[in-house]
Amino acid sequence: MTWTRLSDDFADRADIMGLSAEAFRLHIVGLVWANRMLLDGLIPKRSAAVLAALAGLDDVQHVVAELLVAGLWIDAETSYQIEWKDQESAAIVKERKTANAEKNRTWRERSRLHSAGDHSKCTRCSAVRDQSRDQSHDKSVTATRTRPEPDPTPREEEGEGKESAGSDTAAPSATAAGASPSDPLERMRAIRAVGRKTA
């Protein structure tokens, strides 16, 4: 369906106000008819009688002549061109109709699949919402279970550094006590002996 556009000041225009009731009615009928037929305001002269019948007119030629004088219609040999500046072009209307037809086709196909239990095309049904909620829950559980443990390497290195520092400090004393630095047991005994002497 197409719509005929009339501005809110349409009836206040000087060229419209000067029309007779018959001419005003024929002009409106012509706008609506040309919109429905997607003619961009071009009305074949052979169709003027049809418009006159729709407008309830007897002397169509006299009324058409009035519209020609007002400049609302233009004689284009085999057709009348109606003023079309406020109306949509046929190309835009056809494009919208094609888009709406495709949207309706998609909706019908989705409804058919949904009724058959296939929700692969659904976007807002309860089955899709439940599936999305379940997937979100599974992802959160998986993320919690697979969270990586902190890397203990820095702490171990820090401990090793402290042990090294302690060993370096105690090594001279152990060596001074006659223990071999390469023998851990002897070194530990020497460290304990030094500790007892210091106490």
N, C-alpha and C. Protein backbone atom coordinates (compact mmCIF):
# COMPACT_ATOMS: atom_id res chain seq x y z
N MET A 1 0.84 -1.19 0.00
CA MET A 1 0.00 0.00 0.00
C MET A 1 0.87 1.24 0.00
N THR A 2 0.50 2.22 -0.82
CA THR A 2 1.19 3.51 -0.83
C THR A 2 0.30 4.56 -0.18
N TRP A 3 0.93 5.67 0.19
CA TRP A 3 0.20 6.74 0.87
C TRP A 3 0.39 8.04 0.09
N THR A 4 -0.68 8.79 -0.01
CA THR A 4 -0.61 10.09 -0.68
C THR A 4 -0.34 11.17 0.36
N ARG A 5 0.66 11.99 0.09
CA ARG A 5 1.08 13.00 1.06
C ARG A 5 0.45 14.36 0.74
N LEU A 6 -0.21 14.92 1.74
CA LEU A 6 -0.75 16.28 1.63
C LEU A 6 -0.23 17.06 2.84
N SER A 7 0.43 18.17 2.59
CA SER A 7 0.97 18.97 3.69
C SER A 7 -0.18 19.62 4.46
N ASP A 8 0.10 20.04 5.69
CA ASP A 8 -0.97 20.61 6.51
C ASP A 8 -1.44 21.97 5.99
N ASP A 9 -0.66 22.57 5.09
CA ASP A 9 -1.10 23.84 4.50
C ASP A 9 -1.58 23.66 3.06
N PHE A 10 -1.86 22.42 2.69
CA PHE A 10 -2.24 22.12 1.30
C PHE A 10 -3.46 22.93 0.87
N ALA A 11 -4.48 22.96 1.71
CA ALA A 11 -5.71 23.66 1.34
C ALA A 11 -5.57 25.18 1.38
N ASP A 12 -4.49 25.68 1.97
CA ASP A 12 -4.29 27.14 2.07
C ASP A 12 -3.53 27.72 0.88
N ARG A 13 -3.02 26.86 0.03
CA ARG A 13 -2.25 27.35 -1.12
C ARG A 13 -3.16 28.09 -2.09
N ALA A 14 -2.62 29.13 -2.70
CA ALA A 14 -3.44 29.97 -3.59
C ALA A 14 -3.96 29.18 -4.79
N ASP A 15 -3.11 28.29 -5.35
CA ASP A 15 -3.56 27.55 -6.54
C ASP A 15 -4.63 26.51 -6.18
N ILE A 16 -4.64 26.05 -4.94
CA ILE A 16 -5.66 25.11 -4.50
C ILE A 16 -6.94 25.84 -4.10
N MET A 17 -6.80 26.96 -3.43
CA MET A 17 -7.96 27.71 -2.98
C MET A 17 -8.79 28.23 -4.16
N GLY A 18 -8.16 28.46 -5.30
CA GLY A 18 -8.88 28.98 -6.46
C GLY A 18 -9.64 27.93 -7.24
N LEU A 19 -9.51 26.65 -6.87
CA LEU A 19 -10.18 25.58 -7.61
C LEU A 19 -11.66 25.47 -7.24
N SER A 20 -12.42 25.00 -8.19
CA SER A 20 -13.81 24.65 -7.90
C SER A 20 -13.81 23.35 -7.11
N ALA A 21 -14.96 23.01 -6.54
CA ALA A 21 -15.06 21.77 -5.76
C ALA A 21 -14.77 20.56 -6.63
N GLU A 22 -15.26 20.60 -7.90
CA GLU A 22 -15.03 19.47 -8.80
C GLU A 22 -13.55 19.31 -9.14
N ALA A 23 -12.86 20.42 -9.41
CA ALA A 23 -11.44 20.37 -9.76
C ALA A 23 -10.61 19.91 -8.56
N PHE A 24 -10.96 20.41 -7.37
CA PHE A 24 -10.25 19.98 -6.16
C PHE A 24 -10.39 18.47 -5.98
N ARG A 25 -11.62 17.96 -6.14
CA ARG A 25 -11.86 16.53 -5.97
C ARG A 25 -11.11 15.71 -7.01
N LEU A 26 -11.11 16.15 -8.27
CA LEU A 26 -10.41 15.41 -9.32
C LEU A 26 -8.90 15.41 -9.08
N HIS A 27 -8.37 16.53 -8.59
CA HIS A 27 -6.92 16.59 -8.31
C HIS A 27 -6.54 15.60 -7.21
N ILE A 28 -7.32 15.51 -6.14
CA ILE A 28 -7.03 14.58 -5.06
C ILE A 28 -7.15 13.15 -5.56
N VAL A 29 -8.21 12.86 -6.31
CA VAL A 29 -8.39 11.52 -6.85
C VAL A 29 -7.23 11.16 -7.78
N GLY A 30 -6.77 12.13 -8.56
CA GLY A 30 -5.64 11.89 -9.46
C GLY A 30 -4.36 11.57 -8.69
N LEU A 31 -4.10 12.29 -7.60
CA LEU A 31 -2.92 12.02 -6.77
C LEU A 31 -2.96 10.61 -6.19
N VAL A 32 -4.10 10.26 -5.63
CA VAL A 32 -4.24 8.94 -5.01
C VAL A 32 -4.11 7.84 -6.05
N TRP A 33 -4.78 8.01 -7.19
CA TRP A 33 -4.76 6.98 -8.24
C TRP A 33 -3.35 6.79 -8.80
N ALA A 34 -2.64 7.89 -9.07
CA ALA A 34 -1.28 7.80 -9.62
C ALA A 34 -0.32 7.18 -8.61
N ASN A 35 -0.55 7.42 -7.32
CA ASN A 35 0.27 6.76 -6.29
C ASN A 35 0.02 5.27 -6.28
N ARG A 36 -1.24 4.87 -6.36
CA ARG A 36 -1.56 3.45 -6.32
C ARG A 36 -0.99 2.71 -7.53
N MET A 37 -1.01 3.37 -8.67
CA MET A 37 -0.52 2.76 -9.90
C MET A 37 0.99 2.91 -10.09
N LEU A 38 1.67 3.61 -9.18
CA LEU A 38 3.11 3.85 -9.25
C LEU A 38 3.50 4.49 -10.60
N LEU A 39 2.83 5.59 -10.92
CA LEU A 39 3.05 6.26 -12.21
C LEU A 39 3.84 7.56 -12.06
N ASP A 40 4.28 7.88 -10.83
CA ASP A 40 5.00 9.13 -10.59
C ASP A 40 4.21 10.34 -11.10
N GLY A 41 2.91 10.28 -10.94
CA GLY A 41 2.07 11.43 -11.29
C GLY A 41 1.72 11.54 -12.75
N LEU A 42 2.08 10.56 -13.55
CA LEU A 42 1.79 10.61 -14.99
C LEU A 42 0.51 9.82 -15.26
N ILE A 43 -0.55 10.54 -15.62
CA ILE A 43 -1.84 9.91 -15.84
C ILE A 43 -2.16 9.87 -17.33
N PRO A 44 -2.29 8.69 -17.91
CA PRO A 44 -2.66 8.61 -19.33
C PRO A 44 -4.01 9.28 -19.57
N LYS A 45 -4.13 9.98 -20.69
CA LYS A 45 -5.38 10.69 -20.97
C LYS A 45 -6.56 9.73 -21.10
N ARG A 46 -6.28 8.52 -21.55
CA ARG A 46 -7.36 7.55 -21.67
C ARG A 46 -7.93 7.15 -20.31
N SER A 47 -7.15 7.43 -19.25
CA SER A 47 -7.62 7.08 -17.91
C SER A 47 -8.36 8.23 -17.24
N ALA A 48 -8.44 9.37 -17.91
CA ALA A 48 -9.12 10.52 -17.32
C ALA A 48 -10.59 10.22 -17.05
N ALA A 49 -11.21 9.42 -17.92
CA ALA A 49 -12.61 9.06 -17.72
C ALA A 49 -12.77 8.22 -16.46
N VAL A 50 -11.78 7.36 -16.19
CA VAL A 50 -11.82 6.54 -14.97
C VAL A 50 -11.75 7.44 -13.75
N LEU A 51 -10.85 8.42 -13.79
CA LEU A 51 -10.73 9.35 -12.67
C LEU A 51 -11.99 10.16 -12.49
N ALA A 52 -12.58 10.56 -13.61
CA ALA A 52 -13.82 11.34 -13.53
C ALA A 52 -14.92 10.52 -12.87
N ALA A 53 -14.96 9.23 -13.20
CA ALA A 53 -15.96 8.37 -12.58
C ALA A 53 -15.70 8.22 -11.09
N LEU A 54 -14.40 8.10 -10.71
CA LEU A 54 -14.07 8.00 -9.30
C LEU A 54 -14.42 9.29 -8.55
N ALA A 55 -14.28 10.41 -9.24
CA ALA A 55 -14.57 11.70 -8.61
C ALA A 55 -16.04 12.08 -8.73
N GLY A 56 -16.80 11.26 -9.44
CA GLY A 56 -18.23 11.54 -9.60
C GLY A 56 -18.51 12.73 -10.50
N LEU A 57 -17.72 12.88 -11.58
CA LEU A 57 -17.86 14.02 -12.48
C LEU A 57 -18.50 13.59 -13.79
N ASP A 58 -19.20 14.55 -14.42
CA ASP A 58 -19.80 14.32 -15.73
C ASP A 58 -18.95 14.95 -16.84
N ASP A 59 -18.60 16.23 -16.68
CA ASP A 59 -17.83 16.95 -17.70
C ASP A 59 -16.36 16.96 -17.30
N VAL A 60 -15.65 15.88 -17.58
CA VAL A 60 -14.27 15.75 -17.14
C VAL A 60 -13.35 16.72 -17.86
N GLN A 61 -13.57 16.97 -19.14
CA GLN A 61 -12.68 17.84 -19.90
C GLN A 61 -12.68 19.26 -19.36
N HIS A 62 -13.82 19.74 -18.98
CA HIS A 62 -13.91 21.10 -18.42
C HIS A 62 -13.12 21.19 -17.11
N VAL A 63 -13.21 20.15 -16.27
CA VAL A 63 -12.51 20.15 -14.97
C VAL A 63 -11.00 20.01 -15.19
N VAL A 64 -10.61 19.16 -16.13
CA VAL A 64 -9.19 19.00 -16.43
C VAL A 64 -8.62 20.32 -16.93
N ALA A 65 -9.36 21.02 -17.76
CA ALA A 65 -8.90 22.32 -18.27
C ALA A 65 -8.66 23.29 -17.13
N GLU A 66 -9.48 23.24 -16.11
CA GLU A 66 -9.30 24.13 -14.95
C GLU A 66 -7.99 23.79 -14.23
N LEU A 67 -7.69 22.51 -14.11
CA LEU A 67 -6.44 22.11 -13.45
C LEU A 67 -5.22 22.48 -14.28
N LEU A 68 -5.36 22.44 -15.61
CA LEU A 68 -4.25 22.84 -16.48
C LEU A 68 -3.99 24.33 -16.33
N VAL A 69 -5.03 25.14 -16.27
CA VAL A 69 -4.87 26.59 -16.11
C VAL A 69 -4.22 26.90 -14.76
N ALA A 70 -4.58 26.15 -13.71
CA ALA A 70 -4.01 26.39 -12.37
C ALA A 70 -2.56 25.92 -12.28
N GLY A 71 -2.09 25.14 -13.26
CA GLY A 71 -0.71 24.66 -13.25
C GLY A 71 -0.50 23.42 -12.42
N LEU A 72 -1.60 22.84 -11.91
CA LEU A 72 -1.49 21.63 -11.10
C LEU A 72 -1.33 20.39 -11.98
N TRP A 73 -1.87 20.44 -13.17
CA TRP A 73 -1.70 19.39 -14.15
C TRP A 73 -1.03 20.00 -15.37
N ILE A 74 -0.20 19.21 -16.07
CA ILE A 74 0.49 19.66 -17.28
C ILE A 74 0.15 18.69 -18.41
N ASP A 75 -0.18 19.27 -19.57
CA ASP A 75 -0.51 18.44 -20.74
C ASP A 75 0.79 17.90 -21.34
N ALA A 76 0.96 16.55 -21.29
CA ALA A 76 2.16 15.91 -21.81
C ALA A 76 1.79 14.98 -22.95
N GLU A 77 1.17 15.53 -23.96
CA GLU A 77 0.74 14.82 -25.17
C GLU A 77 -0.28 13.73 -24.85
N THR A 78 0.17 12.52 -24.60
CA THR A 78 -0.77 11.42 -24.37
C THR A 78 -1.12 11.24 -22.90
N SER A 79 -0.54 12.08 -22.02
CA SER A 79 -0.77 11.94 -20.58
C SER A 79 -0.90 13.31 -19.94
N TYR A 80 -1.34 13.31 -18.70
CA TYR A 80 -1.34 14.50 -17.85
C TYR A 80 -0.33 14.25 -16.74
N GLN A 81 0.57 15.22 -16.55
CA GLN A 81 1.55 15.12 -15.46
C GLN A 81 1.04 15.93 -14.28
N ILE A 82 0.80 15.26 -13.18
CA ILE A 82 0.33 15.93 -11.97
C ILE A 82 1.53 16.42 -11.16
N GLU A 83 1.37 17.55 -10.50
CA GLU A 83 2.43 18.04 -9.60
C GLU A 83 2.77 16.94 -8.60
N TRP A 84 4.05 16.55 -8.52
CA TRP A 84 4.46 15.35 -7.77
C TRP A 84 5.55 15.61 -6.74
N LYS A 85 5.82 16.86 -6.42
CA LYS A 85 6.98 17.18 -5.58
C LYS A 85 6.84 16.66 -4.15
N ASP A 86 5.61 16.49 -3.66
CA ASP A 86 5.43 16.04 -2.27
C ASP A 86 5.25 14.53 -2.15
N GLN A 87 5.25 13.82 -3.27
CA GLN A 87 4.97 12.39 -3.24
C GLN A 87 6.25 11.56 -3.35
N GLU A 88 6.18 10.31 -2.92
CA GLU A 88 7.32 9.39 -3.06
C GLU A 88 7.42 8.93 -4.51
N SER A 89 8.64 8.70 -4.95
CA SER A 89 8.83 8.18 -6.31
C SER A 89 8.45 6.71 -6.35
N ALA A 90 8.11 6.23 -7.53
CA ALA A 90 7.74 4.82 -7.70
C ALA A 90 8.90 3.90 -7.32
N ALA A 91 10.14 4.33 -7.61
CA ALA A 91 11.30 3.49 -7.30
C ALA A 91 11.43 3.25 -5.79
N ILE A 92 11.20 4.29 -4.99
CA ILE A 92 11.28 4.14 -3.53
C ILE A 92 10.18 3.24 -3.02
N VAL A 93 8.97 3.41 -3.56
CA VAL A 93 7.84 2.58 -3.12
C VAL A 93 8.10 1.11 -3.46
N LYS A 94 8.61 0.85 -4.66
CA LYS A 94 8.90 -0.52 -5.07
C LYS A 94 9.99 -1.14 -4.19
N GLU A 95 11.00 -0.36 -3.87
CA GLU A 95 12.08 -0.86 -3.00
C GLU A 95 11.54 -1.22 -1.63
N ARG A 96 10.66 -0.38 -1.09
CA ARG A 96 10.09 -0.67 0.22
C ARG A 96 9.19 -1.91 0.17
N LYS A 97 8.43 -2.04 -0.89
CA LYS A 97 7.56 -3.22 -1.03
C LYS A 97 8.38 -4.50 -1.12
N THR A 98 9.49 -4.45 -1.85
CA THR A 98 10.35 -5.63 -1.97
C THR A 98 10.95 -6.01 -0.61
N ALA A 99 11.40 -4.99 0.14
CA ALA A 99 11.97 -5.25 1.47
C ALA A 99 10.92 -5.82 2.41
N ASN A 100 9.71 -5.29 2.36
CA ASN A 100 8.64 -5.79 3.23
C ASN A 100 8.25 -7.22 2.84
N ALA A 101 8.23 -7.51 1.55
CA ALA A 101 7.91 -8.87 1.10
C ALA A 101 8.95 -9.86 1.60
N GLU A 102 10.22 -9.49 1.56
CA GLU A 102 11.29 -10.37 2.04
C GLU A 102 11.19 -10.56 3.55
N LYS A 103 10.86 -9.48 4.26
CA LYS A 103 10.70 -9.57 5.71
C LYS A 103 9.55 -10.51 6.07
N ASN A 104 8.45 -10.40 5.33
CA ASN A 104 7.30 -11.28 5.59
C ASN A 104 7.63 -12.74 5.26
N ARG A 105 8.39 -12.95 4.17
CA ARG A 105 8.77 -14.31 3.80
C ARG A 105 9.63 -14.94 4.89
N THR A 106 10.59 -14.15 5.40
CA THR A 106 11.46 -14.64 6.47
C THR A 106 10.66 -14.96 7.72
N TRP A 107 9.70 -14.09 8.03
CA TRP A 107 8.88 -14.31 9.23
C TRP A 107 8.04 -15.57 9.10
N ARG A 108 7.46 -15.80 7.93
CA ARG A 108 6.66 -17.01 7.71
C ARG A 108 7.52 -18.28 7.82
N GLU A 109 8.71 -18.24 7.25
CA GLU A 109 9.61 -19.39 7.31
C GLU A 109 10.03 -19.66 8.75
N ARG A 110 10.35 -18.60 9.50
CA ARG A 110 10.74 -18.77 10.90
C ARG A 110 9.59 -19.33 11.73
N SER A 111 8.37 -18.86 11.46
CA SER A 111 7.21 -19.37 12.19
C SER A 111 6.95 -20.83 11.88
N ARG A 112 7.14 -21.22 10.62
CA ARG A 112 6.93 -22.62 10.23
C ARG A 112 7.93 -23.53 10.94
N LEU A 113 9.21 -23.12 10.96
CA LEU A 113 10.23 -23.92 11.63
C LEU A 113 9.98 -23.97 13.14
N HIS A 114 9.59 -22.85 13.71
CA HIS A 114 9.33 -22.79 15.15
C HIS A 114 8.21 -23.75 15.53
N SER A 115 7.15 -23.77 14.72
CA SER A 115 6.02 -24.67 15.00
C SER A 115 6.44 -26.13 14.91
N ALA A 116 7.44 -26.40 14.08
CA ALA A 116 7.93 -27.78 13.93
C ALA A 116 8.99 -28.14 14.97
N GLY A 117 9.30 -27.22 15.88
CA GLY A 117 10.29 -27.49 16.92
C GLY A 117 11.71 -27.14 16.56
N ASP A 118 11.88 -26.52 15.39
CA ASP A 118 13.22 -26.11 14.95
C ASP A 118 13.40 -24.63 15.27
N HIS A 119 14.30 -24.33 16.21
CA HIS A 119 14.49 -22.94 16.67
C HIS A 119 15.77 -22.32 16.11
N SER A 120 16.29 -22.89 15.03
CA SER A 120 17.54 -22.38 14.46
C SER A 120 17.39 -20.99 13.88
N LYS A 121 16.17 -20.61 13.50
CA LYS A 121 15.92 -19.28 12.93
C LYS A 121 15.27 -18.33 13.92
N CYS A 122 14.95 -18.83 15.10
CA CYS A 122 14.28 -18.00 16.10
C CYS A 122 15.24 -16.96 16.68
N THR A 123 14.67 -15.83 17.05
CA THR A 123 15.50 -14.76 17.64
C THR A 123 15.00 -14.35 19.03
N ARG A 124 13.70 -14.58 19.32
CA ARG A 124 13.17 -14.09 20.59
C ARG A 124 12.29 -15.09 21.32
N CYS A 125 12.18 -16.31 20.85
CA CYS A 125 11.29 -17.27 21.52
C CYS A 125 11.93 -17.75 22.81
N SER A 126 11.12 -18.39 23.67
CA SER A 126 11.60 -18.83 24.98
C SER A 126 12.69 -19.88 24.87
N ALA A 127 12.61 -20.72 23.84
CA ALA A 127 13.64 -21.76 23.66
C ALA A 127 15.01 -21.14 23.43
N VAL A 128 15.06 -20.07 22.66
CA VAL A 128 16.33 -19.40 22.39
C VAL A 128 16.85 -18.72 23.65
N ARG A 129 15.95 -18.11 24.42
CA ARG A 129 16.38 -17.45 25.66
C ARG A 129 16.93 -18.47 26.65
N ASP A 130 16.26 -19.63 26.76
CA ASP A 130 16.74 -20.67 27.68
C ASP A 130 18.10 -21.19 27.25
N GLN A 131 18.26 -21.40 25.94
CA GLN A 131 19.54 -21.90 25.42
C GLN A 131 20.65 -20.89 25.66
N SER A 132 20.35 -19.62 25.45
CA SER A 132 21.36 -18.58 25.67
C SER A 132 21.75 -18.51 27.14
N ARG A 133 20.75 -18.64 28.03
CA ARG A 133 21.04 -18.61 29.46
C ARG A 133 21.90 -19.80 29.87
N ASP A 134 21.60 -21.00 29.33
CA ASP A 134 22.39 -22.18 29.65
C ASP A 134 23.82 -22.04 29.16
N GLN A 135 24.00 -21.48 27.96
CA GLN A 135 25.35 -21.30 27.42
C GLN A 135 26.14 -20.33 28.27
N SER A 136 25.49 -19.25 28.73
CA SER A 136 26.17 -18.27 29.57
C SER A 136 26.60 -18.91 30.89
N HIS A 137 25.73 -19.77 31.45
CA HIS A 137 26.07 -20.44 32.70
C HIS A 137 27.24 -21.39 32.51
N ASP A 138 27.21 -22.16 31.42
CA ASP A 138 28.31 -23.10 31.15
C ASP A 138 29.63 -22.37 30.98
N LYS A 139 29.60 -21.23 30.31
CA LYS A 139 30.83 -20.46 30.10
C LYS A 139 31.39 -19.95 31.42
N SER A 140 30.49 -19.48 32.30
CA SER A 140 30.97 -18.95 33.58
C SER A 140 31.56 -20.06 34.44
N VAL A 141 30.94 -21.25 34.41
CA VAL A 141 31.47 -22.38 35.19
C VAL A 141 32.82 -22.81 34.64
N THR A 142 32.92 -22.88 33.32
CA THR A 142 34.18 -23.28 32.69
C THR A 142 35.27 -22.28 33.01
N ALA A 143 34.93 -20.99 32.97
CA ALA A 143 35.93 -19.97 33.27
C ALA A 143 36.42 -20.08 34.71
N THR A 144 35.50 -20.43 35.64
CA THR A 144 35.90 -20.58 37.05
C THR A 144 36.80 -21.78 37.24
N ARG A 145 36.46 -22.89 36.57
CA ARG A 145 37.23 -24.11 36.74
C ARG A 145 38.59 -24.03 36.09
N THR A 146 38.71 -23.30 35.04
CA THR A 146 39.97 -23.25 34.30
C THR A 146 40.79 -22.01 34.62
N ARG A 147 40.43 -21.33 35.72
CA ARG A 147 41.19 -20.13 36.09
C ARG A 147 42.62 -20.54 36.45
N PRO A 148 43.63 -19.96 35.86
CA PRO A 148 45.02 -20.39 36.12
C PRO A 148 45.47 -20.06 37.53
N GLU A 149 46.25 -20.96 38.11
CA GLU A 149 46.82 -20.73 39.42
C GLU A 149 47.96 -19.73 39.32
N PRO A 150 48.21 -18.96 40.39
CA PRO A 150 49.34 -18.01 40.36
C PRO A 150 50.66 -18.73 40.15
N ASP A 151 51.56 -18.12 39.43
CA ASP A 151 52.86 -18.71 39.13
C ASP A 151 53.74 -18.64 40.38
N PRO A 152 54.15 -19.79 40.93
CA PRO A 152 54.95 -19.78 42.18
C PRO A 152 56.42 -19.49 41.94
N THR A 153 56.83 -19.36 40.70
CA THR A 153 58.24 -19.22 40.40
C THR A 153 58.89 -18.02 41.09
N PRO A 154 58.25 -16.82 41.06
CA PRO A 154 58.92 -15.67 41.71
C PRO A 154 59.18 -15.91 43.19
N ARG A 155 58.18 -16.55 43.89
CA ARG A 155 58.38 -16.79 45.32
C ARG A 155 59.52 -17.77 45.57
N GLU A 156 59.58 -18.81 44.73
CA GLU A 156 60.67 -19.78 44.88
C GLU A 156 62.01 -19.13 44.62
N GLU A 157 62.03 -18.27 43.59
CA GLU A 157 63.30 -17.58 43.31
C GLU A 157 63.70 -16.70 44.47
N GLU A 158 62.65 -16.05 45.08
CA GLU A 158 62.97 -15.19 46.22
C GLU A 158 63.54 -16.00 47.37
N GLY A 159 62.95 -17.19 47.60
CA GLY A 159 63.46 -18.07 48.66
C GLY A 159 64.87 -18.54 48.37
N GLU A 160 65.07 -18.87 47.08
CA GLU A 160 66.42 -19.30 46.71
C GLU A 160 67.42 -18.18 46.93
N GLY A 161 67.00 -16.97 46.67
CA GLY A 161 67.90 -15.83 46.87
C GLY A 161 68.27 -15.68 48.32
N LYS A 162 67.23 -15.91 49.20
CA LYS A 162 67.52 -15.78 50.63
C LYS A 162 68.47 -16.87 51.08
N GLU A 163 68.22 -18.10 50.58
CA GLU A 163 69.12 -19.19 50.97
C GLU A 163 70.53 -18.92 50.50
N SER A 164 70.64 -18.36 49.29
CA SER A 164 71.98 -18.07 48.77
C SER A 164 72.65 -17.04 49.63
N ALA A 165 71.85 -16.01 50.03
CA ALA A 165 72.44 -14.97 50.86
C ALA A 165 72.90 -15.55 52.18
N GLY A 166 72.07 -16.44 52.78
CA GLY A 166 72.44 -17.06 54.05
C GLY A 166 73.67 -17.92 53.90
N SER A 167 73.74 -18.61 52.79
CA SER A 167 74.88 -19.49 52.56
C SER A 167 76.15 -18.68 52.40
N ASP A 168 76.02 -17.55 51.69
CA ASP A 168 77.21 -16.73 51.50
C ASP A 168 77.69 -16.18 52.83
N THR A 169 76.73 -15.84 53.69
CA THR A 169 77.11 -15.27 54.98
C THR A 169 77.78 -16.32 55.87
N ALA A 170 77.22 -17.53 55.79
CA ALA A 170 77.73 -18.57 56.68
C ALA A 170 78.96 -19.27 56.14
N ALA A 171 79.23 -19.13 54.87
CA ALA A 171 80.33 -19.87 54.26
C ALA A 171 81.67 -19.52 54.85
N PRO A 172 81.98 -18.25 55.07
CA PRO A 172 83.29 -17.96 55.65
C PRO A 172 83.47 -18.59 57.02
N SER A 173 82.38 -18.56 57.84
CA SER A 173 82.49 -19.14 59.18
C SER A 173 82.71 -20.62 59.11
N ALA A 174 81.95 -21.26 58.16
CA ALA A 174 82.11 -22.71 58.04
C ALA A 174 83.52 -23.05 57.57
N THR A 175 84.02 -22.28 56.66
CA THR A 175 85.36 -22.52 56.15
C THR A 175 86.39 -22.27 57.24
N ALA A 176 86.11 -21.23 58.03
CA ALA A 176 87.03 -20.92 59.11
C ALA A 176 87.04 -22.03 60.14
N ALA A 177 85.89 -22.74 60.30
CA ALA A 177 85.83 -23.83 61.27
C ALA A 177 86.45 -25.10 60.76
N GLY A 178 86.93 -25.08 59.52
CA GLY A 178 87.60 -26.24 58.96
C GLY A 178 86.71 -27.16 58.17
N ALA A 179 85.41 -26.79 57.95
CA ALA A 179 84.51 -27.65 57.19
C ALA A 179 84.68 -27.38 55.72
N SER A 180 84.43 -28.36 54.92
CA SER A 180 84.53 -28.21 53.47
C SER A 180 83.25 -27.59 52.95
N PRO A 181 83.30 -26.46 52.20
CA PRO A 181 82.09 -25.80 51.69
C PRO A 181 81.30 -26.69 50.75
N SER A 182 81.95 -27.68 50.16
CA SER A 182 81.25 -28.53 49.21
C SER A 182 80.49 -29.65 49.92
N ASP A 183 80.65 -29.85 51.20
CA ASP A 183 79.98 -30.91 51.94
C ASP A 183 78.85 -30.29 52.76
N PRO A 184 77.61 -30.48 52.37
CA PRO A 184 76.49 -29.81 53.07
C PRO A 184 76.39 -30.21 54.52
N LEU A 185 76.60 -31.46 54.84
CA LEU A 185 76.45 -31.91 56.22
C LEU A 185 77.50 -31.25 57.11
N GLU A 186 78.72 -31.24 56.63
CA GLU A 186 79.78 -30.62 57.41
C GLU A 186 79.55 -29.12 57.53
N ARG A 187 79.06 -28.52 56.46
CA ARG A 187 78.82 -27.07 56.50
C ARG A 187 77.75 -26.75 57.53
N MET A 188 76.67 -27.58 57.62
CA MET A 188 75.59 -27.35 58.56
C MET A 188 76.12 -27.48 59.99
N ARG A 189 76.98 -28.48 60.23
CA ARG A 189 77.55 -28.65 61.56
C ARG A 189 78.41 -27.45 61.96
N ALA A 190 79.14 -26.95 60.97
CA ALA A 190 80.01 -25.80 61.27
C ALA A 190 79.18 -24.57 61.60
N ILE A 191 78.06 -24.40 60.87
CA ILE A 191 77.20 -23.22 61.12
C ILE A 191 76.62 -23.32 62.51
N ARG A 192 76.17 -24.53 62.93
CA ARG A 192 75.60 -24.69 64.27
C ARG A 192 76.65 -24.41 65.34
N ALA A 193 77.87 -24.87 65.09
CA ALA A 193 78.93 -24.64 66.06
C ALA A 193 79.21 -23.16 66.22
N VAL A 194 79.24 -22.44 65.12
CA VAL A 194 79.48 -21.00 65.18
C VAL A 194 78.37 -20.32 65.92
N GLY A 195 77.14 -20.81 65.72
CA GLY A 195 76.00 -20.22 66.41
C GLY A 195 76.09 -20.40 67.92
N ARG A 196 76.52 -21.58 68.35
CA ARG A 196 76.62 -21.84 69.79
C ARG A 196 77.71 -20.97 70.41
N LYS A 197 78.81 -20.78 69.66
CA LYS A 197 79.89 -19.94 70.18
C LYS A 197 79.43 -18.51 70.34
N THR A 198 78.68 -18.06 69.36
CA THR A 198 78.20 -16.66 69.41
C THR A 198 77.25 -16.46 70.58
N ALA A 199 76.39 -17.50 70.85
CA ALA A 199 75.44 -17.39 71.95
C ALA A 199 76.19 -17.42 73.27
